[in-house]
Amino acid sequence: MEVARGVHRLTRGIVNFYLVEDRGALLLIDAGAPSDWGLLASTLDGRGRTVQDLDAVLLTHAHSDHIGFAERARTTAGAPVWVHREDSERAKGAKPGRNDGRAASYLLRPAFYRTTFSLLRRGAGRLIPVREVSTFSNGETIDVPGRPRAVHGPGHTAGSCALLFEDRSLLLSGDVLVTWNPLTGRAGPQIMPSAFNADTTQALRSLGVLEGLRVDVVLPGHGDPWTGGAAEAVRLARAAGPS
C-alpha cells in the first residue's frame, strides 16, 4: 500500500517495513522477519521489478523483526545494508544486553501471544546476522536513494534511529516512536514496551529529537501511519509513558 509519495508499506501485521522509490532507484527501510522475503518479492513483481533491482537496505535498528531478510537482500541483490554505528556489531550477530522489562509482565495481554506466535512463525525468533554493514551517524545524510537524514533516538536500542525525508515532509520513525504496542495492543503514539527496550527512560527522553521536526506523515515500525505531525505524536507518546 502506498502510504506517502513513492513510499509503500509492507506488512503482514505486527511489524512494518517500507519500500521507497526515488527516480527509479529502490530503497528498503527495514527488512521485516526472515520469511517476509516473499512479500517483498511479490510487491516488486507487482510493480514490474525484481529483488535484484533493490539498491540498498537501510535499518532503523538491529532487532530480529527489522533485520529479517537483510542478509539475503545483500547477497541476492548486492544491496548494501546500512545501520547506525551503535548497532553495527549487533547487526552482525553480537549478543545483545538485557532489556529493561520482563516478558512475564505481559502474560495476561492477548497481544503478547499474537506478536510472539506471529514472529516465531515467520523466523524472527533469532537474528540472522548481516555479514557486512555500512554505518552512519546522527545527523548524517545517508547516501542511499532518497537521501534521508538520520535522527538518532537511542533507548529501544543503542543505535535506534528515525529517518527524515525532508523533501517529502516524511519521517520513518522505526521503533523510536510507534503507533501500536506489540505486547499490550494499545493504539496511538507511544514508545515501545519496556521488555523490548535497552533503556526505557532514555527512549522517553529520545522523543525530544523528533519534537521539532516539520513533517506531515510519520511511518512507524509498528502500527498505522500518523498524519498529525511529529510534535503531537511526541506529546501523546509522553502522555502514554512506559508500558
Protein backbone atom coordinates (compact mmCIF):
# COMPACT_ATOMS: atom_id res chain seq x y z
CA MET A 1 0.00 0.00 0.00
CA GLU A 2 1.35 3.43 -0.95
CA VAL A 3 1.29 5.47 2.28
CA ALA A 4 3.19 8.52 1.03
CA ARG A 5 4.56 9.71 -2.29
CA GLY A 6 6.73 6.88 -3.60
CA VAL A 7 6.63 5.01 -0.27
CA HIS A 8 4.96 1.61 0.09
CA ARG A 9 4.16 -0.02 3.42
CA LEU A 10 4.73 -3.77 3.52
CA THR A 11 3.31 -5.69 6.46
CA ARG A 12 1.80 -8.99 7.49
CA GLY A 13 0.77 -7.44 10.78
CA ILE A 14 2.90 -6.81 13.89
CA VAL A 15 5.83 -5.13 12.09
CA ASN A 16 6.13 -2.80 9.09
CA PHE A 17 8.87 -2.31 6.55
CA TYR A 18 8.88 0.13 3.67
CA LEU A 19 9.87 0.34 0.02
CA VAL A 20 10.93 3.80 -1.15
CA GLU A 21 11.13 4.71 -4.84
CA ASP A 22 13.37 7.59 -5.90
CA ARG A 23 13.96 8.33 -9.59
CA GLY A 24 13.73 4.65 -10.43
CA ALA A 25 16.03 3.56 -7.61
CA LEU A 26 14.71 1.40 -4.78
CA LEU A 27 15.46 1.64 -1.07
CA LEU A 28 14.18 -0.83 1.50
CA ILE A 29 13.77 0.53 5.02
CA ASP A 30 13.95 -2.37 7.47
CA ALA A 31 13.61 -5.98 6.38
CA GLY A 32 10.76 -7.44 8.40
CA ALA A 33 11.02 -11.04 9.57
CA PRO A 34 13.05 -13.59 7.55
CA SER A 35 10.02 -15.14 5.83
CA ASP A 36 8.76 -11.72 4.72
CA TRP A 37 11.13 -12.05 1.76
CA GLY A 38 8.21 -13.44 -0.24
CA LEU A 39 6.13 -10.33 0.49
CA LEU A 40 8.92 -8.12 -0.82
CA ALA A 41 9.31 -10.26 -3.95
CA SER A 42 5.59 -10.26 -4.73
CA THR A 43 5.33 -6.50 -4.13
CA LEU A 44 8.20 -5.81 -6.50
CA ASP A 45 6.79 -8.23 -9.08
CA GLY A 46 3.51 -6.31 -8.99
CA ARG A 47 5.43 -3.18 -9.90
CA GLY A 48 7.34 -4.82 -12.74
CA ARG A 49 10.55 -5.06 -10.71
CA THR A 50 12.56 -7.83 -9.06
CA VAL A 51 14.57 -8.14 -5.88
CA GLN A 52 17.71 -7.69 -7.99
CA ASP A 53 16.57 -4.09 -8.58
CA LEU A 54 16.97 -3.25 -4.91
CA ASP A 55 19.69 -0.61 -4.44
CA ALA A 56 20.10 -0.53 -0.64
CA VAL A 57 18.67 -1.66 2.68
CA LEU A 58 18.54 0.89 5.50
CA LEU A 59 17.86 -0.41 9.01
CA THR A 60 16.29 1.72 11.73
CA HIS A 61 17.84 -0.60 14.32
CA ALA A 62 19.19 -4.11 14.75
CA HIS A 63 16.34 -6.21 16.12
CA SER A 64 15.40 -9.53 14.55
CA ASP A 65 11.94 -8.35 13.42
CA HIS A 66 13.51 -5.48 11.47
CA ILE A 67 16.75 -7.04 10.28
CA GLY A 68 14.89 -10.13 8.99
CA PHE A 69 15.99 -10.90 5.45
CA ALA A 70 18.58 -8.08 5.18
CA GLU A 71 21.46 -10.52 4.68
CA ARG A 72 19.51 -12.30 1.95
CA ALA A 73 18.94 -8.97 0.21
CA ARG A 74 22.64 -8.18 0.49
CA THR A 75 23.76 -11.45 -1.04
CA THR A 76 20.97 -11.86 -3.62
CA ALA A 77 20.65 -8.28 -4.85
CA GLY A 78 24.09 -7.00 -3.90
CA ALA A 79 22.31 -4.28 -1.91
CA PRO A 80 24.47 -2.72 0.82
CA VAL A 81 22.92 -2.81 4.29
CA TRP A 82 23.16 0.37 6.37
CA VAL A 83 22.73 0.71 10.14
CA HIS A 84 23.67 3.26 12.81
CA ARG A 85 27.21 2.66 14.04
CA GLU A 86 25.98 1.96 17.60
CA ASP A 87 24.01 -1.04 16.31
CA SER A 88 26.55 -2.30 13.78
CA GLU A 89 28.02 -5.10 15.92
CA ARG A 90 24.56 -6.21 16.96
CA ALA A 91 23.52 -6.35 13.29
CA LYS A 92 26.49 -8.61 12.65
CA GLY A 93 25.38 -11.00 15.37
CA ALA A 94 26.88 -9.74 18.64
CA LYS A 95 24.98 -10.83 21.73
CA PRO A 96 22.64 -8.08 22.98
CA GLY A 97 22.48 -6.89 26.57
CA ARG A 98 19.48 -7.30 28.84
CA ASN A 99 16.34 -5.25 28.34
CA ASP A 100 14.57 -3.18 30.98
CA GLY A 101 11.40 -5.17 31.39
CA ARG A 102 10.39 -8.81 31.62
CA ALA A 103 8.20 -10.64 29.12
CA ALA A 104 6.31 -12.21 32.03
CA SER A 105 4.77 -8.81 32.76
CA TYR A 106 2.62 -9.13 29.63
CA LEU A 107 1.32 -12.67 30.02
CA LEU A 108 -2.27 -11.51 30.58
CA ARG A 109 -2.26 -9.49 27.36
CA PRO A 110 -3.61 -11.20 24.21
CA ALA A 111 -1.32 -9.03 22.06
CA PHE A 112 1.70 -10.68 23.69
CA TYR A 113 0.70 -14.07 22.28
CA ARG A 114 -0.30 -12.70 18.89
CA THR A 115 3.05 -10.97 18.50
CA THR A 116 5.12 -13.85 19.83
CA PHE A 117 3.50 -16.53 17.69
CA SER A 118 3.49 -14.39 14.55
CA LEU A 119 7.18 -13.51 14.79
CA LEU A 120 8.27 -17.03 15.72
CA ARG A 121 6.28 -18.47 12.81
CA ARG A 122 8.00 -16.04 10.44
CA GLY A 123 11.50 -16.81 11.66
CA ALA A 124 12.13 -13.77 13.86
CA GLY A 125 12.90 -15.78 16.97
CA ARG A 126 16.58 -15.24 16.26
CA LEU A 127 18.57 -12.60 14.44
CA ILE A 128 20.14 -13.58 11.12
CA PRO A 129 23.48 -11.72 11.12
CA VAL A 130 24.40 -9.33 8.33
CA ARG A 131 27.97 -10.22 7.43
CA GLU A 132 28.88 -6.79 6.04
CA VAL A 133 27.30 -3.47 7.02
CA SER A 134 27.80 0.17 6.15
CA THR A 135 27.33 2.61 9.02
CA PHE A 136 26.05 6.14 9.55
CA SER A 137 25.93 8.61 12.44
CA ASN A 138 23.43 11.06 13.86
CA GLY A 139 22.56 13.92 11.52
CA GLU A 140 24.19 12.29 8.52
CA THR A 141 22.51 12.43 5.12
CA ILE A 142 22.82 8.81 4.08
CA ASP A 143 24.00 8.02 0.55
CA VAL A 144 21.05 5.84 -0.46
CA PRO A 145 18.04 6.55 -2.72
CA GLY A 146 16.00 9.44 -1.31
CA ARG A 147 18.97 10.61 0.82
CA PRO A 148 17.25 10.55 4.22
CA ARG A 149 18.81 12.22 7.25
CA ALA A 150 19.48 10.06 10.32
CA VAL A 151 17.86 11.18 13.56
CA HIS A 152 19.44 9.15 16.38
CA GLY A 153 16.95 8.27 19.14
CA PRO A 154 18.57 5.68 21.44
CA GLY A 155 16.73 3.76 24.13
CA HIS A 156 14.97 0.98 22.27
CA THR A 157 18.47 0.00 21.16
CA ALA A 158 21.69 1.99 21.38
CA GLY A 159 21.54 2.73 17.66
CA SER A 160 17.80 3.24 17.14
CA CYS A 161 17.09 5.90 14.55
CA ALA A 162 14.31 7.68 12.75
CA LEU A 163 14.85 8.62 9.11
CA LEU A 164 13.84 12.05 7.83
CA PHE A 165 12.92 12.62 4.18
CA GLU A 166 12.75 16.40 4.27
CA ASP A 167 11.71 16.86 0.64
CA ARG A 168 8.68 14.62 1.24
CA SER A 169 7.81 16.00 4.71
CA LEU A 170 8.06 12.41 5.89
CA LEU A 171 9.55 10.65 8.91
CA LEU A 172 10.07 6.91 9.18
CA SER A 173 10.28 6.58 12.93
CA GLY A 174 11.32 2.93 13.27
CA ASP A 175 10.80 1.94 16.90
CA VAL A 176 11.77 5.34 18.32
CA LEU A 177 8.04 6.11 18.17
CA VAL A 178 5.31 3.65 17.23
CA THR A 179 1.52 3.79 16.96
CA TRP A 180 0.75 0.29 18.21
CA ASN A 181 2.15 -1.60 21.17
CA PRO A 182 3.00 -5.18 20.15
CA LEU A 183 2.79 -6.50 23.72
CA THR A 184 -0.23 -4.63 25.14
CA GLY A 185 -2.21 -3.94 21.96
CA ARG A 186 -2.59 -0.25 22.81
CA ALA A 187 -3.02 2.01 19.77
CA GLY A 188 -1.72 5.56 19.42
CA PRO A 189 1.70 7.24 19.56
CA GLN A 190 3.99 5.73 22.22
CA ILE A 191 7.41 4.24 22.79
CA MET A 192 7.98 0.50 22.66
CA PRO A 193 7.23 -1.65 25.74
CA SER A 194 9.93 -1.96 28.38
CA ALA A 195 10.51 -5.66 27.67
CA PHE A 196 11.83 -4.67 24.24
CA ASN A 197 13.87 -1.62 25.32
CA ALA A 198 17.51 -1.45 26.33
CA ASP A 199 16.75 1.74 28.31
CA THR A 200 13.13 2.87 28.60
CA THR A 201 14.00 6.12 30.38
CA GLN A 202 16.33 7.00 27.51
CA ALA A 203 13.67 6.02 24.98
CA LEU A 204 11.29 8.56 26.54
CA ARG A 205 13.99 11.24 26.50
CA SER A 206 14.74 10.49 22.86
CA LEU A 207 11.25 11.60 21.87
CA GLY A 208 12.66 15.10 22.13
CA VAL A 209 14.75 14.64 18.99
CA LEU A 210 11.54 14.19 16.98
CA GLU A 211 9.56 17.02 18.53
CA GLY A 212 10.75 19.87 16.35
CA LEU A 213 10.77 18.01 13.03
CA ARG A 214 8.45 19.54 10.46
CA VAL A 215 6.78 16.55 8.89
CA ASP A 216 3.25 15.76 7.75
CA VAL A 217 3.42 11.97 7.98
CA VAL A 218 5.11 9.63 10.46
CA LEU A 219 5.51 5.99 9.41
CA PRO A 220 6.33 3.74 12.40
CA GLY A 221 7.86 0.31 12.70
CA HIS A 222 4.69 -0.92 14.41
CA GLY A 223 1.19 0.42 13.80
CA ASP A 224 -0.57 2.62 11.29
CA PRO A 225 0.69 5.84 9.69
CA TRP A 226 0.33 9.01 11.75
CA THR A 227 -0.75 12.20 9.96
CA GLY A 228 -0.99 14.60 12.89
CA GLY A 229 2.60 15.86 12.80
CA ALA A 230 5.62 14.97 14.88
CA ALA A 231 5.00 17.38 17.76
CA GLU A 232 1.54 16.00 18.52
CA ALA A 233 2.78 12.42 18.22
CA VAL A 234 5.52 13.18 20.75
CA ARG A 235 3.06 14.85 23.14
CA LEU A 236 0.79 11.81 23.08
CA ALA A 237 3.70 9.37 23.43
CA ARG A 238 4.96 11.20 26.51
CA ALA A 239 1.47 11.16 27.98
CA ALA A 240 1.23 7.41 27.37
CA GLY A 241 4.52 6.86 29.21
CA PRO A 242 6.24 3.50 29.66
CA SER A 243 4.49 0.15 29.41
